[in-house]
N, C-alpha and C. Protein backbone atom coordinates (compact mmCIF):
# COMPACT_ATOMS: atom_id res chain seq x y z
N UNK A 1 -13.16 -52.99 152.23
CA UNK A 1 -13.19 -51.90 153.05
C UNK A 1 -13.42 -50.89 151.39
N UNK A 2 -12.53 -51.70 150.25
CA UNK A 2 -13.16 -51.04 148.68
C UNK A 2 -14.52 -50.41 148.65
N UNK A 3 -15.51 -51.61 149.02
CA UNK A 3 -17.15 -51.36 149.35
C UNK A 3 -17.13 -49.91 149.31
N UNK A 4 -16.49 -49.79 150.43
CA UNK A 4 -17.11 -48.61 151.81
C UNK A 4 -16.51 -47.21 150.81
N UNK A 5 -16.01 -47.64 150.17
CA UNK A 5 -14.92 -46.31 149.77
C UNK A 5 -15.73 -46.39 148.27
N UNK A 6 -15.96 -47.18 147.66
CA UNK A 6 -16.56 -46.73 146.28
C UNK A 6 -18.08 -46.45 146.73
N UNK A 7 -18.98 -47.14 147.60
CA UNK A 7 -20.00 -46.03 148.20
C UNK A 7 -20.14 -44.34 147.86
N UNK A 8 -18.67 -44.60 149.16
CA UNK A 8 -18.80 -42.96 149.13
C UNK A 8 -18.60 -41.95 147.88
N UNK A 9 -18.00 -42.47 147.13
CA UNK A 9 -17.48 -41.88 145.82
C UNK A 9 -18.48 -41.97 145.07
N UNK A 10 -19.85 -42.36 144.81
CA UNK A 10 -20.71 -42.45 144.22
C UNK A 10 -21.81 -42.23 144.88
N UNK A 11 -21.87 -41.75 146.38
CA UNK A 11 -23.10 -40.54 146.79
C UNK A 11 -22.40 -39.74 146.59
N UNK A 12 -20.91 -39.66 146.48
CA UNK A 12 -21.01 -37.75 146.16
C UNK A 12 -20.83 -37.33 144.58
N UNK A 13 -20.50 -38.33 143.41
CA UNK A 13 -20.62 -38.23 142.75
C UNK A 13 -22.45 -38.01 141.68
N UNK A 14 -22.99 -39.14 142.66
CA UNK A 14 -24.39 -39.26 141.93
C UNK A 14 -25.45 -38.06 142.66
N UNK A 15 -25.02 -37.43 144.20
CA UNK A 15 -26.25 -37.27 144.12
C UNK A 15 -25.65 -35.96 145.78
N UNK A 16 -27.03 -35.12 146.16
CA UNK A 16 -26.13 -34.26 146.93
C UNK A 16 -26.45 -34.09 148.84
N UNK A 17 -25.63 -33.51 149.54
CA UNK A 17 -25.50 -33.87 150.61
C UNK A 17 -27.37 -33.38 151.41
N UNK A 18 -28.24 -32.35 151.03
CA UNK A 18 -29.35 -31.84 151.21
C UNK A 18 -30.14 -32.97 150.67
N UNK A 19 -29.86 -33.73 149.11
CA UNK A 19 -31.08 -35.15 149.05
C UNK A 19 -30.90 -36.20 149.90
N UNK A 20 -29.60 -36.65 150.06
CA UNK A 20 -29.16 -37.47 150.87
C UNK A 20 -28.22 -37.39 152.57
N UNK A 21 -28.94 -36.19 153.14
CA UNK A 21 -28.38 -36.29 154.05
C UNK A 21 -28.85 -37.22 155.36
N UNK A 22 -29.46 -38.08 154.95
CA UNK A 22 -29.72 -39.20 156.31
C UNK A 22 -29.11 -40.83 156.09
N UNK A 23 -28.41 -40.67 154.62
CA UNK A 23 -27.52 -41.43 154.01
C UNK A 23 -26.03 -41.52 154.16
N UNK A 24 -25.83 -40.13 154.45
CA UNK A 24 -24.28 -39.97 154.70
C UNK A 24 -24.53 -40.11 156.20
N UNK A 25 -25.06 -39.17 156.48
CA UNK A 25 -25.04 -39.45 158.25
C UNK A 25 -24.73 -40.54 158.49
N UNK A 26 -25.11 -41.69 158.18
CA UNK A 26 -25.49 -43.03 158.75
C UNK A 26 -23.88 -43.83 158.18
N UNK A 27 -24.25 -43.24 156.99
CA UNK A 27 -22.41 -43.80 156.40
C UNK A 27 -21.44 -43.56 157.56
N UNK A 28 -21.21 -42.01 157.60
CA UNK A 28 -20.28 -41.38 158.70
C UNK A 28 -20.07 -41.82 159.48
N UNK A 29 -21.49 -42.06 160.84
CA UNK A 29 -21.32 -43.14 161.36
C UNK A 29 -20.38 -44.28 161.28
N UNK A 30 -20.66 -44.67 160.53
CA UNK A 30 -19.97 -46.07 160.79
C UNK A 30 -17.70 -45.76 159.76
N UNK A 31 -17.90 -44.15 160.04
CA UNK A 31 -16.40 -43.90 159.62
C UNK A 31 -16.25 -43.77 158.00
N UNK A 32 -15.34 -42.65 157.85
CA UNK A 32 -15.08 -42.39 156.32
C UNK A 32 -13.81 -43.31 155.83
N UNK A 33 -13.72 -43.86 155.17
CA UNK A 33 -12.22 -44.57 154.82
C UNK A 33 -10.97 -43.14 154.25
N UNK A 34 -10.19 -43.22 154.80
CA UNK A 34 -9.05 -42.15 155.23
C UNK A 34 -8.53 -41.99 153.37
N UNK A 35 -9.01 -42.60 152.42
CA UNK A 35 -8.25 -42.27 151.38
C UNK A 35 -9.23 -41.60 150.43
N UNK A 36 -10.56 -41.43 150.95
CA UNK A 36 -11.54 -40.90 151.12
C UNK A 36 -12.30 -39.53 151.76
N UNK A 37 -11.66 -39.30 152.83
CA UNK A 37 -11.75 -38.75 153.78
C UNK A 37 -11.46 -37.34 153.16
N UNK A 38 -10.79 -36.52 152.55
CA UNK A 38 -10.66 -35.41 152.80
C UNK A 38 -11.80 -34.75 151.78
N UNK A 39 -12.26 -35.11 150.57
CA UNK A 39 -13.36 -35.04 149.62
C UNK A 39 -15.05 -35.01 150.44
N UNK A 40 -14.88 -36.22 151.09
CA UNK A 40 -16.34 -36.57 151.85
C UNK A 40 -15.96 -34.91 152.99
N UNK A 41 -15.15 -34.95 152.94
CA UNK A 41 -14.88 -33.82 154.16
C UNK A 41 -15.55 -32.43 153.20
N UNK A 42 -14.74 -31.98 152.39
CA UNK A 42 -15.42 -30.82 151.39
C UNK A 42 -16.73 -30.81 150.89
N UNK A 43 -17.59 -32.35 150.63
CA UNK A 43 -18.60 -32.35 150.08
C UNK A 43 -19.36 -31.95 150.76
N UNK A 44 -19.41 -32.52 152.10
CA UNK A 44 -20.66 -32.23 153.28
C UNK A 44 -20.67 -30.85 153.75
N UNK A 45 -19.47 -30.30 153.48
CA UNK A 45 -18.87 -29.36 153.92
C UNK A 45 -20.07 -27.78 152.93
N UNK A 46 -19.92 -28.61 151.91
CA UNK A 46 -20.64 -27.61 151.13
C UNK A 46 -19.23 -26.53 150.36
N UNK A 47 -18.25 -26.76 150.33
CA UNK A 47 -17.28 -25.76 149.78
C UNK A 47 -16.90 -26.61 148.89
N UNK A 48 -16.43 -25.53 147.90
CA UNK A 48 -15.82 -25.93 146.85
C UNK A 48 -14.28 -26.22 146.40
N UNK A 49 -13.46 -24.55 147.57
CA UNK A 49 -11.89 -24.46 147.55
C UNK A 49 -11.74 -23.50 146.86
N UNK A 50 -12.33 -22.50 146.72
CA UNK A 50 -11.90 -21.68 145.92
C UNK A 50 -10.81 -20.94 146.18
N UNK A 51 -9.31 -21.29 145.36
CA UNK A 51 -8.33 -20.77 145.25
C UNK A 51 -7.66 -19.13 145.13
N UNK A 52 -8.02 -19.02 144.58
CA UNK A 52 -8.79 -17.23 144.23
C UNK A 52 -8.63 -16.62 145.59
N UNK A 53 -10.08 -16.81 146.08
CA UNK A 53 -10.64 -15.66 147.18
C UNK A 53 -9.40 -16.47 148.23
N UNK A 54 -9.18 -17.60 148.68
CA UNK A 54 -8.50 -17.81 149.85
C UNK A 54 -6.81 -17.10 150.15
N UNK A 55 -6.54 -16.76 148.48
CA UNK A 55 -5.68 -15.75 148.71
C UNK A 55 -5.72 -14.19 148.01
N UNK A 56 -6.78 -14.44 148.30
CA UNK A 56 -7.31 -12.61 148.04
C UNK A 56 -7.57 -12.32 149.65
N UNK A 57 -8.42 -13.41 150.88
CA UNK A 57 -8.21 -13.29 151.76
C UNK A 57 -6.64 -12.31 152.75
N UNK A 58 -5.74 -13.55 152.21
CA UNK A 58 -4.84 -13.72 152.53
C UNK A 58 -4.11 -11.92 152.20
N UNK A 59 -4.56 -11.79 151.46
CA UNK A 59 -3.45 -10.66 151.13
C UNK A 59 -4.29 -9.01 151.85
N UNK A 60 -5.07 -9.10 152.01
CA UNK A 60 -6.39 -8.22 152.26
C UNK A 60 -5.90 -8.07 154.40
N UNK A 61 -4.96 -8.76 154.84
CA UNK A 61 -4.53 -8.81 156.48
C UNK A 61 -4.90 -8.42 156.89
N UNK A 62 -6.27 -8.03 156.92
CA UNK A 62 -7.56 -7.45 158.39
C UNK A 62 -7.73 -8.46 159.37
N UNK A 63 -6.63 -8.56 159.74
CA UNK A 63 -6.68 -9.23 161.08
C UNK A 63 -5.59 -8.56 161.76
N UNK A 64 -6.09 -8.80 163.47
CA UNK A 64 -5.35 -7.84 164.25
C UNK A 64 -4.01 -8.54 164.71
N UNK A 65 -2.69 -7.69 165.05
CA UNK A 65 -1.75 -8.33 165.61
C UNK A 65 -1.48 -9.09 166.85
N UNK A 66 -2.12 -9.20 167.33
CA UNK A 66 -2.96 -10.19 168.79
C UNK A 66 -3.16 -11.54 167.99
N UNK A 67 -3.86 -11.11 167.05
CA UNK A 67 -4.52 -12.49 166.85
C UNK A 67 -3.48 -13.47 165.71
N UNK A 68 -2.87 -12.43 165.26
CA UNK A 68 -1.63 -13.52 164.53
C UNK A 68 -0.67 -13.50 165.34
N UNK A 69 -0.19 -12.91 166.33
CA UNK A 69 0.90 -13.35 167.21
C UNK A 69 0.06 -14.35 167.92
N UNK A 70 -1.20 -14.43 168.12
CA UNK A 70 -1.69 -16.03 168.89
C UNK A 70 -1.73 -17.24 168.23
N UNK A 71 -1.76 -17.22 167.19
CA UNK A 71 -1.30 -18.18 165.56
C UNK A 71 -0.38 -18.53 166.03
N UNK A 72 0.77 -17.61 165.51
CA UNK A 72 2.23 -18.26 165.50
C UNK A 72 2.41 -18.63 166.82
N UNK A 73 2.04 -19.14 167.92
CA UNK A 73 1.98 -19.42 169.34
C UNK A 73 2.07 -20.92 169.10
N UNK A 74 0.84 -20.44 168.53
CA UNK A 74 -0.04 -22.04 169.07
C UNK A 74 0.27 -23.01 167.74
N UNK A 75 0.71 -22.69 166.32
CA UNK A 75 1.29 -23.37 165.61
C UNK A 75 2.05 -24.24 165.53
N UNK A 76 3.44 -23.80 166.35
CA UNK A 76 4.45 -25.06 166.57
C UNK A 76 4.04 -25.58 167.21
N UNK A 77 3.09 -25.76 168.70
CA UNK A 77 2.96 -25.97 169.54
C UNK A 77 2.20 -27.54 168.91
N UNK A 78 1.46 -27.66 167.87
CA UNK A 78 0.40 -27.93 167.21
C UNK A 78 1.04 -29.10 166.01
N UNK A 79 2.28 -28.33 165.33
CA UNK A 79 2.57 -29.09 164.35
C UNK A 79 3.62 -29.93 164.48
N UNK A 80 4.22 -30.39 165.92
CA UNK A 80 4.55 -31.55 166.95
C UNK A 80 4.03 -32.85 166.63
N UNK A 81 2.50 -32.73 166.67
CA UNK A 81 1.31 -33.82 167.17
C UNK A 81 1.26 -34.57 165.97
N UNK A 82 1.43 -34.30 164.31
CA UNK A 82 1.24 -34.95 163.61
C UNK A 82 2.29 -34.64 162.66
N UNK A 83 2.56 -36.20 161.89
CA UNK A 83 3.30 -35.99 161.40
C UNK A 83 2.88 -35.89 160.01
N UNK A 84 2.94 -34.58 159.65
CA UNK A 84 2.94 -34.49 158.33
C UNK A 84 4.37 -34.65 157.37
N UNK A 85 4.14 -35.21 155.78
CA UNK A 85 5.33 -35.68 155.44
C UNK A 85 5.65 -34.44 154.27
N UNK A 86 5.41 -32.74 154.34
CA UNK A 86 5.92 -32.35 154.01
C UNK A 86 6.99 -31.15 154.85
N UNK A 87 7.82 -30.25 154.67
CA UNK A 87 8.80 -30.50 155.48
C UNK A 87 8.02 -28.71 156.76
N UNK A 88 8.45 -29.17 157.86
CA UNK A 88 8.15 -28.16 158.83
C UNK A 88 7.52 -26.73 158.88
N UNK A 89 8.02 -26.12 157.96
CA UNK A 89 8.38 -24.72 158.01
C UNK A 89 7.56 -24.38 157.27
N UNK A 90 7.51 -25.26 155.61
CA UNK A 90 6.00 -25.71 154.63
C UNK A 90 4.36 -25.93 155.42
N UNK A 91 4.40 -26.61 156.65
CA UNK A 91 3.41 -27.06 157.28
C UNK A 91 3.31 -26.00 158.05
N UNK A 92 4.30 -25.52 158.93
CA UNK A 92 3.64 -24.31 159.83
C UNK A 92 3.14 -23.03 159.03
N UNK A 93 3.81 -22.39 157.82
CA UNK A 93 3.23 -21.47 156.94
C UNK A 93 1.98 -21.51 156.41
N UNK A 94 1.57 -22.55 156.28
CA UNK A 94 0.01 -23.28 155.67
C UNK A 94 -0.65 -23.24 156.92
N UNK A 95 -0.84 -23.72 157.71
CA UNK A 95 -1.34 -24.01 158.83
C UNK A 95 -1.21 -22.52 160.04
N UNK A 96 -0.47 -21.79 159.58
CA UNK A 96 -0.44 -20.01 160.02
C UNK A 96 -2.11 -19.35 158.76
N UNK A 97 -1.05 -19.78 157.56
CA UNK A 97 -2.58 -18.97 156.34
C UNK A 97 -3.80 -19.42 156.36
N UNK A 98 -3.98 -20.93 157.05
CA UNK A 98 -5.48 -21.50 156.89
C UNK A 98 -6.06 -20.45 158.13
N UNK A 99 -5.45 -20.68 159.51
CA UNK A 99 -6.11 -19.88 160.43
C UNK A 99 -6.31 -18.32 160.24
N UNK A 100 -5.47 -17.60 159.66
CA UNK A 100 -5.40 -16.64 159.64
C UNK A 100 -6.86 -15.87 158.56
N UNK A 101 -6.60 -16.83 157.00
CA UNK A 101 -7.83 -16.67 156.52
C UNK A 101 -9.65 -16.65 157.02
N UNK A 102 -8.93 -17.88 157.78
CA UNK A 102 -10.61 -18.34 158.70
C UNK A 102 -10.91 -17.27 159.39
N UNK A 103 -10.03 -16.43 160.48
CA UNK A 103 -10.28 -15.68 160.48
C UNK A 103 -11.13 -15.02 159.84
N UNK A 104 -10.24 -13.99 159.19
CA UNK A 104 -11.19 -12.92 157.95
C UNK A 104 -12.31 -13.56 157.10
N UNK A 105 -12.34 -14.85 157.79
CA UNK A 105 -13.83 -15.38 156.60
C UNK A 105 -14.67 -15.51 157.02
N UNK A 106 -14.21 -15.41 158.54
CA UNK A 106 -15.16 -15.52 159.83
C UNK A 106 -14.99 -14.83 160.98
N UNK A 107 -15.44 -13.56 160.44
CA UNK A 107 -14.65 -12.24 161.92
C UNK A 107 -15.55 -12.33 162.91
N UNK A 108 -16.16 -13.08 162.37
CA UNK A 108 -17.52 -12.84 164.24
C UNK A 108 -17.47 -13.98 164.51
N UNK A 109 -16.37 -15.27 164.51
CA UNK A 109 -15.55 -15.88 165.42
C UNK A 109 -14.23 -16.05 165.63
N UNK A 110 -13.45 -15.72 164.67
CA UNK A 110 -12.44 -14.83 164.99
C UNK A 110 -11.12 -16.11 165.50
N UNK A 111 -10.83 -16.12 165.58
CA UNK A 111 -9.35 -17.20 166.28
C UNK A 111 -9.34 -17.36 168.18
N UNK A 112 -9.76 -18.62 167.86
CA UNK A 112 -10.12 -19.14 169.38
C UNK A 112 -8.33 -20.38 169.38
N UNK A 113 -8.19 -19.93 170.67
CA UNK A 113 -6.93 -21.51 170.70
C UNK A 113 -6.94 -22.47 170.92
N UNK A 114 -6.57 -23.24 169.87
CA UNK A 114 -7.15 -24.72 169.89
C UNK A 114 -7.76 -25.28 168.35
N UNK A 115 -7.82 -24.10 167.61
CA UNK A 115 -8.69 -24.23 166.16
C UNK A 115 -7.37 -24.93 165.34
N UNK A 116 -5.91 -24.71 166.12
CA UNK A 116 -4.82 -24.82 164.73
C UNK A 116 -4.54 -26.75 164.94
N UNK A 117 -4.90 -27.42 165.89
CA UNK A 117 -5.93 -28.72 165.87
C UNK A 117 -6.10 -28.94 164.59
N UNK A 118 -7.44 -28.66 165.40
CA UNK A 118 -8.88 -28.88 164.19
C UNK A 118 -8.33 -28.19 162.47
N UNK A 119 -7.61 -27.63 162.48
CA UNK A 119 -6.79 -26.92 161.21
C UNK A 119 -5.58 -27.87 160.95
N UNK A 120 -4.88 -28.56 161.46
CA UNK A 120 -4.00 -28.97 161.24
C UNK A 120 -4.93 -31.04 160.59
N UNK A 121 -5.68 -31.04 161.01
CA UNK A 121 -6.27 -32.38 161.36
C UNK A 121 -7.03 -32.14 159.98
N UNK A 122 -7.58 -30.38 159.56
CA UNK A 122 -8.43 -30.92 157.83
C UNK A 122 -7.13 -30.94 157.01
N UNK A 123 -6.09 -30.24 157.43
CA UNK A 123 -4.39 -29.86 156.58
C UNK A 123 -4.07 -31.40 156.02
N UNK A 124 -4.21 -31.71 157.05
CA UNK A 124 -3.28 -33.79 156.49
C UNK A 124 -4.57 -34.35 155.57
N UNK A 125 -5.66 -33.81 155.35
CA UNK A 125 -6.86 -34.51 154.28
C UNK A 125 -6.66 -33.62 153.35
N UNK A 126 -6.82 -32.47 153.23
CA UNK A 126 -6.81 -31.34 151.95
C UNK A 126 -6.19 -30.50 151.94
N UNK A 127 -6.20 -29.97 150.87
CA UNK A 127 -5.40 -28.87 150.52
C UNK A 127 -5.19 -27.48 151.01
N UNK A 128 -4.06 -27.34 151.76
CA UNK A 128 -4.37 -25.83 152.41
C UNK A 128 -5.93 -24.45 151.87
N UNK A 129 -5.27 -24.32 150.75
CA UNK A 129 -6.32 -23.54 150.11
C UNK A 129 -8.37 -24.10 150.19
N UNK A 130 -8.26 -24.75 150.87
CA UNK A 130 -9.44 -25.66 151.05
C UNK A 130 -9.40 -25.97 152.43
N UNK A 131 -8.80 -25.67 152.73
CA UNK A 131 -9.06 -26.17 154.56
C UNK A 131 -9.50 -24.92 155.43
N UNK A 132 -9.05 -23.59 154.66
CA UNK A 132 -9.80 -22.53 155.48
C UNK A 132 -11.62 -22.31 155.64
N UNK A 133 -11.73 -22.84 154.22
CA UNK A 133 -12.87 -22.78 154.38
C UNK A 133 -13.57 -24.24 154.85
N UNK A 134 -13.98 -24.51 155.05
CA UNK A 134 -14.13 -26.27 155.39
C UNK A 134 -15.31 -25.72 157.30
């Protein structure tokens, strides 16, 4: 498995998704090692994770009360399905923030029930600030 991990690291360091899309797709079909999964997802999404922009979005609070209410209902249902190493309240806050930031980053999509499971999976591999923009 170390060879495959090294292959991913080399691909990300020495290439771009545009240049090696077919190679990346073939490699992804074989699976992405857990140890590099977060890095690969960020690389494949084209996002670098702009922490400052993330926190600016959260300060704007340009989401509806209905959206916030729905997210706050869904997050606790989602948390128990994942085994996070951080404390539960911190994880709830992070997951809520990711989903609120996403709804502001993609207002044309907004929040859809079930997104919390995707966001929780991302949060288990990448930092909170990056998860909202992937």
